[in-house]
N, C-alpha and C. Protein backbone atom coordinates (compact mmCIF):
# COMPACT_ATOMS: atom_id res chain seq x y z
N MET A 1 0.86 -1.17 0.00
CA MET A 1 0.00 0.00 0.00
C MET A 1 0.90 1.24 0.00
N SER A 2 0.59 2.17 -0.88
CA SER A 2 1.42 3.38 -0.97
C SER A 2 1.12 4.32 0.19
N TRP A 3 2.01 5.26 0.40
CA TRP A 3 1.85 6.20 1.52
C TRP A 3 0.60 7.06 1.33
N GLN A 4 0.20 7.32 0.06
CA GLN A 4 -1.01 8.12 -0.16
C GLN A 4 -2.24 7.40 0.39
N TRP A 5 -2.34 6.09 0.13
CA TRP A 5 -3.49 5.34 0.61
C TRP A 5 -3.44 5.18 2.12
N LYS A 6 -2.25 5.06 2.67
CA LYS A 6 -2.15 4.96 4.13
C LYS A 6 -2.65 6.23 4.80
N SER A 7 -2.36 7.38 4.19
CA SER A 7 -2.83 8.64 4.79
C SER A 7 -4.34 8.78 4.67
N VAL A 8 -4.95 8.12 3.71
CA VAL A 8 -6.41 8.14 3.56
C VAL A 8 -7.06 7.15 4.53
N VAL A 9 -6.49 5.96 4.62
CA VAL A 9 -7.07 4.91 5.46
C VAL A 9 -7.00 5.29 6.93
N VAL A 10 -6.01 6.07 7.32
CA VAL A 10 -5.92 6.52 8.71
C VAL A 10 -7.18 7.29 9.10
N VAL A 11 -7.67 8.12 8.23
CA VAL A 11 -8.88 8.91 8.53
C VAL A 11 -10.10 8.00 8.58
N TRP A 12 -10.17 7.02 7.69
CA TRP A 12 -11.29 6.08 7.72
C TRP A 12 -11.31 5.30 9.03
N LEU A 13 -10.16 4.87 9.48
CA LEU A 13 -10.08 4.15 10.75
C LEU A 13 -10.44 5.05 11.93
N PHE A 14 -10.04 6.31 11.86
CA PHE A 14 -10.41 7.27 12.90
C PHE A 14 -11.94 7.43 12.94
N ALA A 15 -12.57 7.50 11.76
CA ALA A 15 -14.03 7.61 11.71
C ALA A 15 -14.68 6.36 12.30
N LEU A 16 -14.12 5.20 12.02
CA LEU A 16 -14.66 3.96 12.57
C LEU A 16 -14.54 3.93 14.09
N VAL A 17 -13.40 4.34 14.60
CA VAL A 17 -13.20 4.38 16.05
C VAL A 17 -14.18 5.37 16.68
N CYS A 18 -14.36 6.53 16.05
CA CYS A 18 -15.32 7.52 16.58
C CYS A 18 -16.73 6.96 16.57
N ALA A 19 -17.11 6.23 15.52
CA ALA A 19 -18.45 5.65 15.45
C ALA A 19 -18.67 4.62 16.54
N VAL A 20 -17.66 3.78 16.76
CA VAL A 20 -17.79 2.75 17.81
C VAL A 20 -17.88 3.41 19.19
N LEU A 21 -17.03 4.39 19.44
CA LEU A 21 -17.07 5.08 20.74
C LEU A 21 -18.39 5.82 20.93
N THR A 22 -18.92 6.38 19.86
CA THR A 22 -20.22 7.05 19.94
C THR A 22 -21.31 6.05 20.30
N GLY A 23 -21.28 4.90 19.68
CA GLY A 23 -22.28 3.88 19.98
C GLY A 23 -22.19 3.37 21.40
N LEU A 24 -20.98 3.30 21.92
CA LEU A 24 -20.80 2.76 23.26
C LEU A 24 -21.08 3.78 24.37
N HIS A 25 -20.76 5.03 24.13
CA HIS A 25 -20.76 6.00 25.22
C HIS A 25 -21.80 7.11 25.13
N SER A 26 -22.53 7.22 24.04
CA SER A 26 -23.50 8.33 23.95
C SER A 26 -24.82 7.93 24.61
N PHE A 27 -25.49 8.93 25.12
CA PHE A 27 -26.82 8.71 25.70
C PHE A 27 -27.82 8.49 24.58
N PRO A 28 -28.91 7.79 24.86
CA PRO A 28 -29.93 7.58 23.83
C PRO A 28 -30.44 8.92 23.29
N GLY A 29 -30.50 9.03 22.00
CA GLY A 29 -30.96 10.26 21.36
C GLY A 29 -29.87 11.28 21.12
N GLN A 30 -28.68 11.02 21.59
CA GLN A 30 -27.57 11.97 21.42
C GLN A 30 -26.54 11.50 20.39
N ALA A 31 -26.77 10.37 19.77
CA ALA A 31 -25.78 9.81 18.85
C ALA A 31 -25.53 10.73 17.66
N LEU A 32 -26.58 11.37 17.15
CA LEU A 32 -26.39 12.25 15.99
C LEU A 32 -25.50 13.44 16.31
N VAL A 33 -25.60 13.94 17.51
CA VAL A 33 -24.74 15.05 17.92
C VAL A 33 -23.28 14.62 17.88
N TRP A 34 -23.01 13.44 18.42
CA TRP A 34 -21.64 12.95 18.48
C TRP A 34 -21.12 12.52 17.12
N ILE A 35 -22.02 12.04 16.25
CA ILE A 35 -21.60 11.71 14.89
C ILE A 35 -21.17 12.99 14.16
N GLY A 36 -21.91 14.06 14.36
CA GLY A 36 -21.53 15.35 13.76
C GLY A 36 -20.19 15.84 14.27
N LEU A 37 -19.97 15.71 15.57
CA LEU A 37 -18.67 16.09 16.13
C LEU A 37 -17.56 15.16 15.65
N SER A 38 -17.88 13.90 15.46
CA SER A 38 -16.90 12.96 14.93
C SER A 38 -16.49 13.35 13.51
N PHE A 39 -17.46 13.77 12.70
CA PHE A 39 -17.12 14.18 11.35
C PHE A 39 -16.27 15.45 11.37
N ALA A 40 -16.57 16.36 12.27
CA ALA A 40 -15.74 17.56 12.39
C ALA A 40 -14.30 17.18 12.74
N GLY A 41 -14.15 16.21 13.64
CA GLY A 41 -12.81 15.72 13.96
C GLY A 41 -12.13 15.06 12.77
N CYS A 42 -12.92 14.36 11.95
CA CYS A 42 -12.37 13.74 10.75
C CYS A 42 -11.89 14.79 9.75
N VAL A 43 -12.63 15.87 9.62
CA VAL A 43 -12.21 16.95 8.71
C VAL A 43 -10.89 17.55 9.18
N ILE A 44 -10.81 17.87 10.47
CA ILE A 44 -9.58 18.45 11.00
C ILE A 44 -8.43 17.44 10.89
N GLY A 45 -8.71 16.19 11.21
CA GLY A 45 -7.68 15.16 11.10
C GLY A 45 -7.21 14.96 9.67
N THR A 46 -8.14 15.00 8.72
CA THR A 46 -7.77 14.86 7.31
C THR A 46 -6.83 15.97 6.89
N LEU A 47 -7.19 17.19 7.23
CA LEU A 47 -6.35 18.31 6.83
C LEU A 47 -4.97 18.22 7.47
N CYS A 48 -4.92 17.82 8.73
CA CYS A 48 -3.62 17.68 9.41
C CYS A 48 -2.78 16.58 8.77
N VAL A 49 -3.38 15.42 8.53
CA VAL A 49 -2.63 14.30 7.96
C VAL A 49 -2.13 14.63 6.56
N GLN A 50 -2.99 15.23 5.75
CA GLN A 50 -2.59 15.51 4.37
C GLN A 50 -1.57 16.65 4.29
N LEU A 51 -1.67 17.61 5.17
CA LEU A 51 -0.65 18.66 5.19
C LEU A 51 0.68 18.13 5.73
N ALA A 52 0.60 17.16 6.63
CA ALA A 52 1.82 16.58 7.19
C ALA A 52 2.60 15.77 6.16
N THR A 53 1.94 15.30 5.11
CA THR A 53 2.65 14.53 4.09
C THR A 53 3.63 15.40 3.32
N GLY A 54 3.33 16.69 3.24
CA GLY A 54 4.23 17.61 2.55
C GLY A 54 4.20 17.49 1.04
N ARG A 55 3.20 16.83 0.49
CA ARG A 55 3.10 16.66 -0.96
C ARG A 55 1.89 17.40 -1.47
N LYS A 56 2.10 18.28 -2.44
CA LYS A 56 0.96 19.02 -2.98
C LYS A 56 0.30 18.28 -4.15
N GLU A 57 1.01 17.34 -4.77
CA GLU A 57 0.43 16.58 -5.86
C GLU A 57 -0.67 15.67 -5.33
N GLY A 58 -1.87 15.82 -5.83
CA GLY A 58 -2.98 14.97 -5.44
C GLY A 58 -3.61 15.33 -4.10
N TYR A 59 -3.29 16.51 -3.58
CA TYR A 59 -3.81 16.90 -2.26
C TYR A 59 -5.33 16.91 -2.24
N VAL A 60 -5.93 17.53 -3.24
CA VAL A 60 -7.39 17.64 -3.26
C VAL A 60 -8.02 16.26 -3.39
N ASN A 61 -7.44 15.41 -4.20
CA ASN A 61 -7.98 14.06 -4.35
C ASN A 61 -7.88 13.27 -3.05
N ARG A 62 -6.75 13.37 -2.37
CA ARG A 62 -6.58 12.64 -1.11
C ARG A 62 -7.55 13.14 -0.05
N VAL A 63 -7.73 14.46 0.03
CA VAL A 63 -8.68 15.02 1.01
C VAL A 63 -10.10 14.58 0.67
N THR A 64 -10.44 14.62 -0.61
CA THR A 64 -11.79 14.22 -1.02
C THR A 64 -12.06 12.76 -0.70
N VAL A 65 -11.14 11.88 -1.04
CA VAL A 65 -11.33 10.45 -0.78
C VAL A 65 -11.39 10.19 0.73
N SER A 66 -10.56 10.87 1.49
CA SER A 66 -10.59 10.71 2.94
C SER A 66 -11.94 11.09 3.51
N LEU A 67 -12.46 12.23 3.11
CA LEU A 67 -13.72 12.71 3.67
C LEU A 67 -14.92 11.92 3.17
N VAL A 68 -14.89 11.49 1.92
CA VAL A 68 -16.00 10.67 1.41
C VAL A 68 -16.03 9.34 2.16
N GLY A 69 -14.87 8.75 2.40
CA GLY A 69 -14.83 7.52 3.17
C GLY A 69 -15.31 7.72 4.60
N ALA A 70 -14.92 8.83 5.21
CA ALA A 70 -15.37 9.12 6.57
C ALA A 70 -16.89 9.32 6.61
N VAL A 71 -17.42 10.00 5.61
CA VAL A 71 -18.88 10.17 5.54
C VAL A 71 -19.57 8.83 5.39
N ALA A 72 -19.02 7.94 4.57
CA ALA A 72 -19.62 6.62 4.38
C ALA A 72 -19.61 5.82 5.68
N VAL A 73 -18.51 5.85 6.38
CA VAL A 73 -18.42 5.12 7.66
C VAL A 73 -19.40 5.69 8.67
N LEU A 74 -19.44 7.00 8.80
CA LEU A 74 -20.33 7.62 9.79
C LEU A 74 -21.80 7.51 9.38
N ALA A 75 -22.08 7.51 8.08
CA ALA A 75 -23.46 7.31 7.62
C ALA A 75 -23.92 5.89 7.93
N GLY A 76 -23.04 4.92 7.74
CA GLY A 76 -23.38 3.55 8.11
C GLY A 76 -23.64 3.42 9.59
N ALA A 77 -22.82 4.08 10.39
CA ALA A 77 -23.03 4.05 11.84
C ALA A 77 -24.34 4.72 12.21
N THR A 78 -24.68 5.80 11.54
CA THR A 78 -25.95 6.48 11.80
C THR A 78 -27.12 5.57 11.47
N GLY A 79 -27.03 4.84 10.37
CA GLY A 79 -28.08 3.89 10.03
C GLY A 79 -28.24 2.80 11.07
N ILE A 80 -27.11 2.31 11.57
CA ILE A 80 -27.16 1.28 12.62
C ILE A 80 -27.78 1.85 13.90
N PHE A 81 -27.40 3.07 14.25
CA PHE A 81 -27.98 3.69 15.44
C PHE A 81 -29.49 3.89 15.27
N ALA A 82 -29.91 4.28 14.07
CA ALA A 82 -31.33 4.47 13.82
C ALA A 82 -32.10 3.16 13.94
N LEU A 83 -31.54 2.10 13.38
CA LEU A 83 -32.21 0.80 13.48
C LEU A 83 -32.21 0.29 14.91
N ALA A 84 -31.16 0.55 15.64
CA ALA A 84 -31.10 0.13 17.04
C ALA A 84 -32.12 0.90 17.87
N GLY A 85 -32.38 2.15 17.50
CA GLY A 85 -33.35 2.96 18.23
C GLY A 85 -34.78 2.51 17.99
N LEU A 86 -35.02 1.83 16.86
CA LEU A 86 -36.36 1.34 16.57
C LEU A 86 -36.70 0.07 17.34
N ALA A 87 -35.67 -0.64 17.76
CA ALA A 87 -35.90 -1.92 18.46
C ALA A 87 -36.34 -1.71 19.89
């Protein structure tokens, strides 16, 4: 795996960890608030990780892929939280 993909996957894993921690520690009805804060953390983390690479080639693509993956992970977690709330 190239360093570009590693810098993207780090953000996806961070989003997954945030989703799991949100599911475990948030009060009922508060999961959406924490998912929003988790995404904000993913945005800041993405910018930090991609700026830390020091490469301007493909910066926009790496940021876009990182954030789209984070949105997908957090959207899946939101769906699971919604289904769990119906039970």
